[in-house]
Amino acid sequence: MAKSVVPSPLERRILLEKQLDPAHALRIAEAYLAEERTVEALAFLRRADAGERLGAILAEAVAAGDAFLVREACSALGRSPTSTEWQVVAEAASTAGKLRYAEQAHRQHGRGEG
């Protein structure tokens, strides 16, 4: 089995605590994404100022009904999910059988909050 190219948890923490070149941050984020570790990639995408890539992850999370990832991606973008996004998340989560996410999204949509 090939060694993972993503940093260890300790290396990750050290990298996030220091100044990181945006290009290096993007390479690390892409390594996480290649291993389908999206949540861990978000911090490095934010450091890389990769708003377009963060927006794409947000759109995928909304379509998949992943309320947790929607909240995390919006946080990385420096904003809250919109009421419309919560509505779409609720519908997608319900369709996918993700009942806890559906309930969360319905509640946030009803509050009109992120």
PDB file of N, CA and C in Angstrom:
ATOM      1  N   MET A   1       0.848  -1.178   0.000  1.00  0.00           N
ATOM      2  CA  MET A   1       0.000   0.000   0.000  1.00  0.00           C
ATOM      3  C   MET A   1       0.894   1.243   0.000  1.00  0.00           C
ATOM      4  N   ALA A   2       0.567   2.195  -0.842  1.00  0.00           N
ATOM      5  CA  ALA A   2       1.361   3.417  -0.983  1.00  0.00           C
ATOM      6  C   ALA A   2       1.129   4.321   0.225  1.00  0.00           C
ATOM      7  N   LYS A   3       2.171   5.028   0.608  1.00  0.00           N
ATOM      8  CA  LYS A   3       2.077   5.977   1.718  1.00  0.00           C
ATOM      9  C   LYS A   3       1.220   7.173   1.300  1.00  0.00           C
ATOM     10  N   SER A   4       0.367   7.585   2.189  1.00  0.00           N
ATOM     11  CA  SER A   4      -0.494   8.738   1.940  1.00  0.00           C
ATOM     12  C   SER A   4       0.353  10.006   1.819  1.00  0.00           C
ATOM     13  N   VAL A   5      -0.063  10.902   0.929  1.00  0.00           N
ATOM     14  CA  VAL A   5       0.667  12.164   0.760  1.00  0.00           C
ATOM     15  C   VAL A   5       0.084  13.290   1.615  1.00  0.00           C
ATOM     16  N   VAL A   6      -1.005  12.993   2.331  1.00  0.00           N
ATOM     17  CA  VAL A   6      -1.572  14.018   3.211  1.00  0.00           C
ATOM     18  C   VAL A   6      -0.787  14.041   4.514  1.00  0.00           C
ATOM     19  N   PRO A   7      -0.727  15.193   5.156  1.00  0.00           N
ATOM     20  CA  PRO A   7       0.022  15.286   6.405  1.00  0.00           C
ATOM     21  C   PRO A   7      -0.632  14.477   7.525  1.00  0.00           C
ATOM     22  N   SER A   8       0.180  14.087   8.481  1.00  0.00           N
ATOM     23  CA  SER A   8      -0.345  13.437   9.686  1.00  0.00           C
ATOM     24  C   SER A   8      -1.147  14.479  10.465  1.00  0.00           C
ATOM     25  N   PRO A   9      -1.941  14.055  11.434  1.00  0.00           N
ATOM     26  CA  PRO A   9      -2.700  15.045  12.218  1.00  0.00           C
ATOM     27  C   PRO A   9      -1.809  16.108  12.872  1.00  0.00           C
ATOM     28  N   LEU A  10      -0.663  15.706  13.384  1.00  0.00           N
ATOM     29  CA  LEU A  10       0.245  16.674  14.001  1.00  0.00           C
ATOM     30  C   LEU A  10       0.823  17.618  12.949  1.00  0.00           C
ATOM     31  N   GLU A  11       1.262  17.076  11.823  1.00  0.00           N
ATOM     32  CA  GLU A  11       1.787  17.914  10.736  1.00  0.00           C
ATOM     33  C   GLU A  11       0.716  18.872  10.237  1.00  0.00           C
ATOM     34  N   ARG A  12      -0.529  18.391  10.152  1.00  0.00           N
ATOM     35  CA  ARG A  12      -1.644  19.227   9.698  1.00  0.00           C
ATOM     36  C   ARG A  12      -1.813  20.423  10.623  1.00  0.00           C
ATOM     37  N   ARG A  13      -1.816  20.158  11.922  1.00  0.00           N
ATOM     38  CA  ARG A  13      -1.977  21.237  12.892  1.00  0.00           C
ATOM     39  C   ARG A  13      -0.850  22.254  12.776  1.00  0.00           C
ATOM     40  N   ILE A  14       0.369  21.766  12.643  1.00  0.00           N
ATOM     41  CA  ILE A  14       1.520  22.663  12.516  1.00  0.00           C
ATOM     42  C   ILE A  14       1.403  23.497  11.242  1.00  0.00           C
ATOM     43  N   LEU A  15       1.017  22.871  10.144  1.00  0.00           N
ATOM     44  CA  LEU A  15       0.865  23.605   8.885  1.00  0.00           C
ATOM     45  C   LEU A  15      -0.199  24.695   8.990  1.00  0.00           C
ATOM     46  N   LEU A  16      -1.298  24.381   9.665  1.00  0.00           N
ATOM     47  CA  LEU A  16      -2.383  25.352   9.780  1.00  0.00           C
ATOM     48  C   LEU A  16      -2.058  26.485  10.755  1.00  0.00           C
ATOM     49  N   GLU A  17      -1.102  26.266  11.646  1.00  0.00           N
ATOM     50  CA  GLU A  17      -0.731  27.302  12.613  1.00  0.00           C
ATOM     51  C   GLU A  17       0.285  28.285  12.064  1.00  0.00           C
ATOM     52  N   LYS A  18       0.953  27.932  10.974  1.00  0.00           N
ATOM     53  CA  LYS A  18       1.977  28.835  10.441  1.00  0.00           C
ATOM     54  C   LYS A  18       1.515  29.428   9.111  1.00  0.00           C
ATOM     55  N   GLN A  19       2.261  30.428   8.656  1.00  0.00           N
ATOM     56  CA  GLN A  19       1.977  31.010   7.343  1.00  0.00           C
ATOM     57  C   GLN A  19       2.232  29.949   6.291  1.00  0.00           C
ATOM     58  N   LEU A  20       1.313  29.807   5.396  1.00  0.00           N
ATOM     59  CA  LEU A  20       1.405  28.771   4.384  1.00  0.00           C
ATOM     60  C   LEU A  20       1.215  29.407   3.019  1.00  0.00           C
ATOM     61  N   ASP A  21       2.114  29.134   2.112  1.00  0.00           N
ATOM     62  CA  ASP A  21       2.021  29.616   0.748  1.00  0.00           C
ATOM     63  C   ASP A  21       0.714  29.091   0.133  1.00  0.00           C
ATOM     64  N   PRO A  22      -0.082  29.946  -0.515  1.00  0.00           N
ATOM     65  CA  PRO A  22      -1.349  29.485  -1.095  1.00  0.00           C
ATOM     66  C   PRO A  22      -1.196  28.299  -2.054  1.00  0.00           C
ATOM     67  N   ALA A  23      -0.141  28.282  -2.840  1.00  0.00           N
ATOM     68  CA  ALA A  23       0.048  27.166  -3.772  1.00  0.00           C
ATOM     69  C   ALA A  23       0.299  25.863  -3.018  1.00  0.00           C
ATOM     70  N   HIS A  24       1.065  25.943  -1.920  1.00  0.00           N
ATOM     71  CA  HIS A  24       1.322  24.759  -1.101  1.00  0.00           C
ATOM     72  C   HIS A  24       0.036  24.302  -0.419  1.00  0.00           C
ATOM     73  N   ALA A  25      -0.742  25.247   0.090  1.00  0.00           N
ATOM     74  CA  ALA A  25      -2.018  24.919   0.726  1.00  0.00           C
ATOM     75  C   ALA A  25      -2.951  24.227  -0.272  1.00  0.00           C
ATOM     76  N   LEU A  26      -2.962  24.710  -1.498  1.00  0.00           N
ATOM     77  CA  LEU A  26      -3.807  24.099  -2.523  1.00  0.00           C
ATOM     78  C   LEU A  26      -3.362  22.677  -2.831  1.00  0.00           C
ATOM     79  N   ARG A  27      -2.050  22.441  -2.900  1.00  0.00           N
ATOM     80  CA  ARG A  27      -1.550  21.077  -3.147  1.00  0.00           C
ATOM     81  C   ARG A  27      -1.973  20.130  -2.027  1.00  0.00           C
ATOM     82  N   ILE A  28      -1.899  20.601  -0.792  1.00  0.00           N
ATOM     83  CA  ILE A  28      -2.318  19.767   0.335  1.00  0.00           C
ATOM     84  C   ILE A  28      -3.816  19.490   0.260  1.00  0.00           C
ATOM     85  N   ALA A  29      -4.595  20.523  -0.040  1.00  0.00           N
ATOM     86  CA  ALA A  29      -6.044  20.351  -0.160  1.00  0.00           C
ATOM     87  C   ALA A  29      -6.382  19.333  -1.244  1.00  0.00           C
ATOM     88  N   GLU A  30      -5.714  19.425  -2.371  1.00  0.00           N
ATOM     89  CA  GLU A  30      -5.980  18.483  -3.460  1.00  0.00           C
ATOM     90  C   GLU A  30      -5.619  17.052  -3.063  1.00  0.00           C
ATOM     91  N   ALA A  31      -4.573  16.896  -2.244  1.00  0.00           N
ATOM     92  CA  ALA A  31      -4.201  15.560  -1.753  1.00  0.00           C
ATOM     93  C   ALA A  31      -5.309  15.003  -0.858  1.00  0.00           C
ATOM     94  N   TYR A  32      -5.852  15.838   0.007  1.00  0.00           N
ATOM     95  CA  TYR A  32      -6.985  15.404   0.840  1.00  0.00           C
ATOM     96  C   TYR A  32      -8.186  15.037  -0.027  1.00  0.00           C
ATOM     97  N   LEU A  33      -8.482  15.868  -1.013  1.00  0.00           N
ATOM     98  CA  LEU A  33      -9.629  15.608  -1.888  1.00  0.00           C
ATOM     99  C   LEU A  33      -9.444  14.315  -2.682  1.00  0.00           C
ATOM    100  N   ALA A  34      -8.215  14.030  -3.086  1.00  0.00           N
ATOM    101  CA  ALA A  34      -7.938  12.793  -3.826  1.00  0.00           C
ATOM    102  C   ALA A  34      -8.241  11.566  -2.974  1.00  0.00           C
ATOM    103  N   GLU A  35      -8.126  11.717  -1.669  1.00  0.00           N
ATOM    104  CA  GLU A  35      -8.432  10.625  -0.746  1.00  0.00           C
ATOM    105  C   GLU A  35      -9.862  10.725  -0.203  1.00  0.00           C
ATOM    106  N   GLU A  36     -10.665  11.606  -0.806  1.00  0.00           N
ATOM    107  CA  GLU A  36     -12.058  11.818  -0.428  1.00  0.00           C
ATOM    108  C   GLU A  36     -12.194  12.250   1.033  1.00  0.00           C
ATOM    109  N   ARG A  37     -11.279  13.095   1.471  1.00  0.00           N
ATOM    110  CA  ARG A  37     -11.280  13.645   2.829  1.00  0.00           C
ATOM    111  C   ARG A  37     -11.606  15.135   2.733  1.00  0.00           C
ATOM    112  N   THR A  38     -12.815  15.397   2.267  1.00  0.00           N
ATOM    113  CA  THR A  38     -13.245  16.749   1.934  1.00  0.00           C
ATOM    114  C   THR A  38     -13.212  17.696   3.119  1.00  0.00           C
ATOM    115  N   VAL A  39     -13.714  17.268   4.258  1.00  0.00           N
ATOM    116  CA  VAL A  39     -13.772  18.157   5.418  1.00  0.00           C
ATOM    117  C   VAL A  39     -12.379  18.631   5.794  1.00  0.00           C
ATOM    118  N   GLU A  40     -11.398  17.745   5.745  1.00  0.00           N
ATOM    119  CA  GLU A  40     -10.030  18.122   6.094  1.00  0.00           C
ATOM    120  C   GLU A  40      -9.417  19.046   5.046  1.00  0.00           C
ATOM    121  N   ALA A  41      -9.874  18.942   3.812  1.00  0.00           N
ATOM    122  CA  ALA A  41      -9.359  19.789   2.740  1.00  0.00           C
ATOM    123  C   ALA A  41      -9.834  21.233   2.873  1.00  0.00           C
ATOM    124  N   LEU A  42     -10.966  21.449   3.520  1.00  0.00           N
ATOM    125  CA  LEU A  42     -11.565  22.782   3.570  1.00  0.00           C
ATOM    126  C   LEU A  42     -10.639  23.842   4.158  1.00  0.00           C
ATOM    127  N   ALA A  43      -9.958  23.525   5.243  1.00  0.00           N
ATOM    128  CA  ALA A  43      -9.072  24.513   5.874  1.00  0.00           C
ATOM    129  C   ALA A  43      -7.949  24.927   4.933  1.00  0.00           C
ATOM    130  N   PHE A  44      -7.428  23.965   4.176  1.00  0.00           N
ATOM    131  CA  PHE A  44      -6.344  24.284   3.249  1.00  0.00           C
ATOM    132  C   PHE A  44      -6.863  25.032   2.022  1.00  0.00           C
ATOM    133  N   LEU A  45      -8.075  24.722   1.590  1.00  0.00           N
ATOM    134  CA  LEU A  45      -8.666  25.479   0.480  1.00  0.00           C
ATOM    135  C   LEU A  45      -8.901  26.928   0.900  1.00  0.00           C
ATOM    136  N   ARG A  46      -9.308  27.110   2.138  1.00  0.00           N
ATOM    137  CA  ARG A  46      -9.505  28.474   2.640  1.00  0.00           C
ATOM    138  C   ARG A  46      -8.175  29.222   2.668  1.00  0.00           C
ATOM    139  N   ARG A  47      -7.118  28.557   3.129  1.00  0.00           N
ATOM    140  CA  ARG A  47      -5.784  29.168   3.152  1.00  0.00           C
ATOM    141  C   ARG A  47      -5.289  29.495   1.751  1.00  0.00           C
ATOM    142  N   ALA A  48      -5.702  28.669   0.779  1.00  0.00           N
ATOM    143  CA  ALA A  48      -5.282  28.879  -0.614  1.00  0.00           C
ATOM    144  C   ALA A  48      -6.144  29.927  -1.304  1.00  0.00           C
ATOM    145  N   ASP A  49      -7.151  30.443  -0.589  1.00  0.00           N
ATOM    146  CA  ASP A  49      -8.100  31.397  -1.154  1.00  0.00           C
ATOM    147  C   ASP A  49      -8.739  30.831  -2.418  1.00  0.00           C
ATOM    148  N   ALA A  50      -9.123  29.553  -2.324  1.00  0.00           N
ATOM    149  CA  ALA A  50      -9.704  28.826  -3.459  1.00  0.00           C
ATOM    150  C   ALA A  50     -11.228  28.879  -3.393  1.00  0.00           C
ATOM    151  N   GLY A  51     -11.749  30.093  -3.484  1.00  0.00           N
ATOM    152  CA  GLY A  51     -13.190  30.296  -3.373  1.00  0.00           C
ATOM    153  C   GLY A  51     -14.002  29.526  -4.397  1.00  0.00           C
ATOM    154  N   GLU A  52     -13.496  29.437  -5.610  1.00  0.00           N
ATOM    155  CA  GLU A  52     -14.219  28.704  -6.655  1.00  0.00           C
ATOM    156  C   GLU A  52     -14.333  27.226  -6.294  1.00  0.00           C
ATOM    157  N   ARG A  53     -13.235  26.654  -5.806  1.00  0.00           N
ATOM    158  CA  ARG A  53     -13.242  25.228  -5.421  1.00  0.00           C
ATOM    159  C   ARG A  53     -14.136  25.015  -4.204  1.00  0.00           C
ATOM    160  N   LEU A  54     -14.095  25.933  -3.246  1.00  0.00           N
ATOM    161  CA  LEU A  54     -14.973  25.845  -2.084  1.00  0.00           C
ATOM    162  C   LEU A  54     -16.443  25.933  -2.508  1.00  0.00           C
ATOM    163  N   GLY A  55     -16.721  26.807  -3.465  1.00  0.00           N
ATOM    164  CA  GLY A  55     -18.084  26.930  -3.985  1.00  0.00           C
ATOM    165  C   GLY A  55     -18.555  25.650  -4.646  1.00  0.00           C
ATOM    166  N   ALA A  56     -17.660  24.972  -5.348  1.00  0.00           N
ATOM    167  CA  ALA A  56     -18.011  23.704  -5.994  1.00  0.00           C
ATOM    168  C   ALA A  56     -18.300  22.631  -4.942  1.00  0.00           C
ATOM    169  N   ILE A  57     -17.506  22.606  -3.885  1.00  0.00           N
ATOM    170  CA  ILE A  57     -17.747  21.650  -2.803  1.00  0.00           C
ATOM    171  C   ILE A  57     -19.078  21.950  -2.134  1.00  0.00           C
ATOM    172  N   LEU A  58     -19.365  23.222  -1.911  1.00  0.00           N
ATOM    173  CA  LEU A  58     -20.643  23.622  -1.325  1.00  0.00           C
ATOM    174  C   LEU A  58     -21.796  23.152  -2.204  1.00  0.00           C
ATOM    175  N   ALA A  59     -21.709  23.375  -3.505  1.00  0.00           N
ATOM    176  CA  ALA A  59     -22.779  22.957  -4.421  1.00  0.00           C
ATOM    177  C   ALA A  59     -22.984  21.441  -4.377  1.00  0.00           C
ATOM    178  N   GLU A  60     -21.889  20.684  -4.326  1.00  0.00           N
ATOM    179  CA  GLU A  60     -21.989  19.223  -4.234  1.00  0.00           C
ATOM    180  C   GLU A  60     -22.646  18.808  -2.920  1.00  0.00           C
ATOM    181  N   ALA A  61     -22.280  19.479  -1.829  1.00  0.00           N
ATOM    182  CA  ALA A  61     -22.844  19.152  -0.522  1.00  0.00           C
ATOM    183  C   ALA A  61     -24.332  19.466  -0.471  1.00  0.00           C
ATOM    184  N   VAL A  62     -24.731  20.588  -1.040  1.00  0.00           N
ATOM    185  CA  VAL A  62     -26.146  20.959  -1.083  1.00  0.00           C
ATOM    186  C   VAL A  62     -26.920  19.904  -1.867  1.00  0.00           C
ATOM    187  N   ALA A  63     -26.424  19.538  -3.043  1.00  0.00           N
ATOM    188  CA  ALA A  63     -27.107  18.553  -3.887  1.00  0.00           C
ATOM    189  C   ALA A  63     -27.167  17.176  -3.231  1.00  0.00           C
ATOM    190  N   ALA A  64     -26.161  16.850  -2.411  1.00  0.00           N
ATOM    191  CA  ALA A  64     -26.118  15.550  -1.749  1.00  0.00           C
ATOM    192  C   ALA A  64     -26.926  15.527  -0.450  1.00  0.00           C
ATOM    193  N   GLY A  65     -27.356  16.696  -0.007  1.00  0.00           N
ATOM    194  CA  GLY A  65     -28.112  16.764   1.242  1.00  0.00           C
ATOM    195  C   GLY A  65     -27.239  16.602   2.469  1.00  0.00           C
ATOM    196  N   ASP A  66     -25.979  17.005   2.378  1.00  0.00           N
ATOM    197  CA  ASP A  66     -25.036  16.857   3.476  1.00  0.00           C
ATOM    198  C   ASP A  66     -24.993  18.150   4.298  1.00  0.00           C
ATOM    199  N   ALA A  67     -25.839  18.225   5.312  1.00  0.00           N
ATOM    200  CA  ALA A  67     -25.975  19.440   6.111  1.00  0.00           C
ATOM    201  C   ALA A  67     -24.666  19.809   6.813  1.00  0.00           C
ATOM    202  N   PHE A  68     -23.939  18.818   7.304  1.00  0.00           N
ATOM    203  CA  PHE A  68     -22.675  19.098   7.985  1.00  0.00           C
ATOM    204  C   PHE A  68     -21.684  19.755   7.035  1.00  0.00           C
ATOM    205  N   LEU A  69     -21.501  19.166   5.856  1.00  0.00           N
ATOM    206  CA  LEU A  69     -20.544  19.697   4.892  1.00  0.00           C
ATOM    207  C   LEU A  69     -20.983  21.064   4.369  1.00  0.00           C
ATOM    208  N   VAL A  70     -22.272  21.286   4.232  1.00  0.00           N
ATOM    209  CA  VAL A  70     -22.775  22.598   3.813  1.00  0.00           C
ATOM    210  C   VAL A  70     -22.356  23.659   4.822  1.00  0.00           C
ATOM    211  N   ARG A  71     -22.558  23.365   6.090  1.00  0.00           N
ATOM    212  CA  ARG A  71     -22.201  24.328   7.143  1.00  0.00           C
ATOM    213  C   ARG A  71     -20.696  24.584   7.149  1.00  0.00           C
ATOM    214  N   GLU A  72     -19.894  23.519   7.018  1.00  0.00           N
ATOM    215  CA  GLU A  72     -18.434  23.660   7.039  1.00  0.00           C
ATOM    216  C   GLU A  72     -17.921  24.413   5.802  1.00  0.00           C
ATOM    217  N   ALA A  73     -18.476  24.117   4.635  1.00  0.00           N
ATOM    218  CA  ALA A  73     -18.046  24.797   3.407  1.00  0.00           C
ATOM    219  C   ALA A  73     -18.409  26.277   3.463  1.00  0.00           C
ATOM    220  N   CYS A  74     -19.592  26.581   3.953  1.00  0.00           N
ATOM    221  CA  CYS A  74     -19.986  27.990   4.090  1.00  0.00           C
ATOM    222  C   CYS A  74     -19.080  28.704   5.080  1.00  0.00           C
ATOM    223  N   SER A  75     -18.737  28.042   6.161  1.00  0.00           N
ATOM    224  CA  SER A  75     -17.822  28.639   7.136  1.00  0.00           C
ATOM    225  C   SER A  75     -16.483  28.952   6.474  1.00  0.00           C
ATOM    226  N   ALA A  76     -15.975  28.030   5.664  1.00  0.00           N
ATOM    227  CA  ALA A  76     -14.704  28.252   4.956  1.00  0.00           C
ATOM    228  C   ALA A  76     -14.823  29.413   3.972  1.00  0.00           C
ATOM    229  N   LEU A  77     -16.019  29.624   3.453  1.00  0.00           N
ATOM    230  CA  LEU A  77     -16.257  30.739   2.528  1.00  0.00           C
ATOM    231  C   LEU A  77     -16.533  32.050   3.278  1.00  0.00           C
ATOM    232  N   GLY A  78     -16.668  31.957   4.592  1.00  0.00           N
ATOM    233  CA  GLY A  78     -16.901  33.155   5.394  1.00  0.00           C
ATOM    234  C   GLY A  78     -18.332  33.648   5.354  1.00  0.00           C
ATOM    235  N   ARG A  79     -19.260  32.721   5.178  1.00  0.00           N
ATOM    236  CA  ARG A  79     -20.672  33.110   5.152  1.00  0.00           C
ATOM    237  C   ARG A  79     -21.535  32.004   5.744  1.00  0.00           C
ATOM    238  N   SER A  80     -22.806  32.285   5.909  1.00  0.00           N
ATOM    239  CA  SER A  80     -23.768  31.289   6.388  1.00  0.00           C
ATOM    240  C   SER A  80     -24.551  30.742   5.210  1.00  0.00           C
ATOM    241  N   PRO A  81     -25.050  29.515   5.330  1.00  0.00           N
ATOM    242  CA  PRO A  81     -25.915  28.981   4.267  1.00  0.00           C
ATOM    243  C   PRO A  81     -27.186  29.833   4.149  1.00  0.00           C
ATOM    244  N   THR A  82     -27.665  29.975   2.933  1.00  0.00           N
ATOM    245  CA  THR A  82     -28.902  30.731   2.713  1.00  0.00           C
ATOM    246  C   THR A  82     -30.110  29.854   3.023  1.00  0.00           C
ATOM    247  N   SER A  83     -31.227  30.490   3.194  1.00  0.00           N
ATOM    248  CA  SER A  83     -32.475  29.768   3.424  1.00  0.00           C
ATOM    249  C   SER A  83     -32.782  28.836   2.245  1.00  0.00           C
ATOM    250  N   THR A  84     -32.518  29.319   1.039  1.00  0.00           N
ATOM    251  CA  THR A  84     -32.752  28.496  -0.162  1.00  0.00           C
ATOM    252  C   THR A  84     -31.840  27.275  -0.166  1.00  0.00           C
ATOM    253  N   GLU A  85     -30.576  27.462   0.214  1.00  0.00           N
ATOM    254  CA  GLU A  85     -29.662  26.314   0.286  1.00  0.00           C
ATOM    255  C   GLU A  85     -30.163  25.297   1.291  1.00  0.00           C
ATOM    256  N   TRP A  86     -30.629  25.772   2.468  1.00  0.00           N
ATOM    257  CA  TRP A  86     -31.158  24.850   3.466  1.00  0.00           C
ATOM    258  C   TRP A  86     -32.361  24.087   2.928  1.00  0.00           C
ATOM    259  N   GLN A  87     -33.210  24.763   2.170  1.00  0.00           N
ATOM    260  CA  GLN A  87     -34.386  24.099   1.612  1.00  0.00           C
ATOM    261  C   GLN A  87     -33.959  22.982   0.665  1.00  0.00           C
ATOM    262  N   VAL A  88     -32.996  23.254  -0.212  1.00  0.00           N
ATOM    263  CA  VAL A  88     -32.515  22.240  -1.157  1.00  0.00           C
ATOM    264  C   VAL A  88     -31.838  21.099  -0.408  1.00  0.00           C
ATOM    265  N   VAL A  89     -31.050  21.417   0.616  1.00  0.00           N
ATOM    266  CA  VAL A  89     -30.400  20.386   1.432  1.00  0.00           C
ATOM    267  C   VAL A  89     -31.460  19.490   2.072  1.00  0.00           C
ATOM    268  N   ALA A  90     -32.493  20.098   2.625  1.00  0.00           N
ATOM    269  CA  ALA A  90     -33.554  19.324   3.272  1.00  0.00           C
ATOM    270  C   ALA A  90     -34.215  18.354   2.301  1.00  0.00           C
ATOM    271  N   GLU A  91     -34.521  18.833   1.106  1.00  0.00           N
ATOM    272  CA  GLU A  91     -35.166  17.983   0.105  1.00  0.00           C
ATOM    273  C   GLU A  91     -34.240  16.857  -0.349  1.00  0.00           C
ATOM    274  N   ALA A  92     -32.972  17.196  -0.609  1.00  0.00           N
ATOM    275  CA  ALA A  92     -32.009  16.186  -1.069  1.00  0.00           C
ATOM    276  C   ALA A  92     -31.737  15.162   0.024  1.00  0.00           C
ATOM    277  N   ALA A  93     -31.596  15.619   1.260  1.00  0.00           N
ATOM    278  CA  ALA A  93     -31.336  14.703   2.362  1.00  0.00           C
ATOM    279  C   ALA A  93     -32.515  13.771   2.587  1.00  0.00           C
ATOM    280  N   SER A  94     -33.709  14.317   2.506  1.00  0.00           N
ATOM    281  CA  SER A  94     -34.913  13.502   2.672  1.00  0.00           C
ATOM    282  C   SER A  94     -34.993  12.436   1.587  1.00  0.00           C
ATOM    283  N   THR A  95     -34.739  12.822   0.346  1.00  0.00           N
ATOM    284  CA  THR A  95     -34.757  11.881  -0.781  1.00  0.00           C
ATOM    285  C   THR A  95     -33.711  10.794  -0.607  1.00  0.00           C
ATOM    286  N   ALA A  96     -32.550  11.157  -0.066  1.00  0.00           N
ATOM    287  CA  ALA A  96     -31.448  10.205   0.107  1.00  0.00           C
ATOM    288  C   ALA A  96     -31.592   9.376   1.379  1.00  0.00           C
ATOM    289  N   GLY A  97     -32.614   9.639   2.164  1.00  0.00           N
ATOM    290  CA  GLY A  97     -32.809   8.894   3.403  1.00  0.00           C
ATOM    291  C   GLY A  97     -31.924   9.371   4.543  1.00  0.00           C
ATOM    292  N   LYS A  98     -31.365  10.550   4.414  1.00  0.00           N
ATOM    293  CA  LYS A  98     -30.519  11.133   5.471  1.00  0.00           C
ATOM    294  C   LYS A  98     -31.434  11.960   6.374  1.00  0.00           C
ATOM    295  N   LEU A  99     -32.196  11.255   7.180  1.00  0.00           N
ATOM    296  CA  LEU A  99     -33.267  11.906   7.927  1.00  0.00           C
ATOM    297  C   LEU A  99     -32.776  12.915   8.952  1.00  0.00           C
ATOM    298  N   ARG A 100     -31.651  12.651   9.591  1.00  0.00           N
ATOM    299  CA  ARG A 100     -31.122  13.610  10.570  1.00  0.00           C
ATOM    300  C   ARG A 100     -30.708  14.904   9.872  1.00  0.00           C
ATOM    301  N   TYR A 101     -30.016  14.777   8.729  1.00  0.00           N
ATOM    302  CA  TYR A 101     -29.630  15.970   7.969  1.00  0.00           C
ATOM    303  C   TYR A 101     -30.864  16.701   7.448  1.00  0.00           C
ATOM    304  N   ALA A 102     -31.871  15.943   7.014  1.00  0.00           N
ATOM    305  CA  ALA A 102     -33.100  16.553   6.511  1.00  0.00           C
ATOM    306  C   ALA A 102     -33.769  17.365   7.616  1.00  0.00           C
ATOM    307  N   GLU A 103     -33.838  16.795   8.812  1.00  0.00           N
ATOM    308  CA  GLU A 103     -34.460  17.487   9.934  1.00  0.00           C
ATOM    309  C   GLU A 103     -33.676  18.752  10.291  1.00  0.00           C
ATOM    310  N   GLN A 104     -32.345  18.624  10.320  1.00  0.00           N
ATOM    311  CA  GLN A 104     -31.492  19.783  10.609  1.00  0.00           C
ATOM    312  C   GLN A 104     -31.730  20.905   9.599  1.00  0.00           C
ATOM    313  N   ALA A 105     -31.730  20.542   8.333  1.00  0.00           N
ATOM    314  CA  ALA A 105     -31.890  21.536   7.269  1.00  0.00           C
ATOM    315  C   ALA A 105     -33.283  22.161   7.306  1.00  0.00           C
ATOM    316  N   HIS A 106     -34.318  21.356   7.572  1.00  0.00           N
ATOM    317  CA  HIS A 106     -35.683  21.908   7.692  1.00  0.00           C
ATOM    318  C   HIS A 106     -35.740  22.915   8.832  1.00  0.00           C
ATOM    319  N   ARG A 107     -35.104  22.573   9.942  1.00  0.00           N
ATOM    320  CA  ARG A 107     -35.108  23.470  11.100  1.00  0.00           C
ATOM    321  C   ARG A 107     -34.394  24.782  10.761  1.00  0.00           C
ATOM    322  N   GLN A 108     -33.228  24.703  10.117  1.00  0.00           N
ATOM    323  CA  GLN A 108     -32.489  25.921   9.746  1.00  0.00           C
ATOM    324  C   GLN A 108     -33.255  26.742   8.711  1.00  0.00           C
ATOM    325  N   HIS A 109     -33.874  26.051   7.752  1.00  0.00           N
ATOM    326  CA  HIS A 109     -34.675  26.763   6.747  1.00  0.00           C
ATOM    327  C   HIS A 109     -35.836  27.494   7.417  1.00  0.00           C
ATOM    328  N   GLY A 110     -36.491  26.822   8.344  1.00  0.00           N
ATOM    329  CA  GLY A 110     -37.623  27.427   9.062  1.00  0.00           C
ATOM    330  C   GLY A 110     -37.220  28.632   9.883  1.00  0.00           C
ATOM    331  N   ARG A 111     -36.010  28.619  10.387  1.00  0.00           N
ATOM    332  CA  ARG A 111     -35.497  29.754  11.166  1.00  0.00           C
ATOM    333  C   ARG A 111     -34.984  30.857  10.267  1.00  0.00           C
ATOM    334  N   GLY A 112     -34.754  30.502   8.997  1.00  0.00           N
ATOM    335  CA  GLY A 112     -34.181  31.476   8.077  1.00  0.00           C
ATOM    336  C   GLY A 112     -32.736  31.787   8.422  1.00  0.00           C
ATOM    337  N   GLU A 113     -32.035  30.778   8.987  1.00  0.00           N
ATOM    338  CA  GLU A 113     -30.677  30.976   9.471  1.00  0.00           C
ATOM    339  C   GLU A 113     -29.693  30.083   8.741  1.00  0.00           C
ATOM    340  N   GLY A 114     -28.418  30.393   8.975  1.00  0.00           N
ATOM    341  CA  GLY A 114     -27.318  29.579   8.504  1.00  0.00           C
ATOM    342  C   GLY A 114     -26.740  28.765   9.609  1.00  0.00           C
TER     343      GLY A 114
END
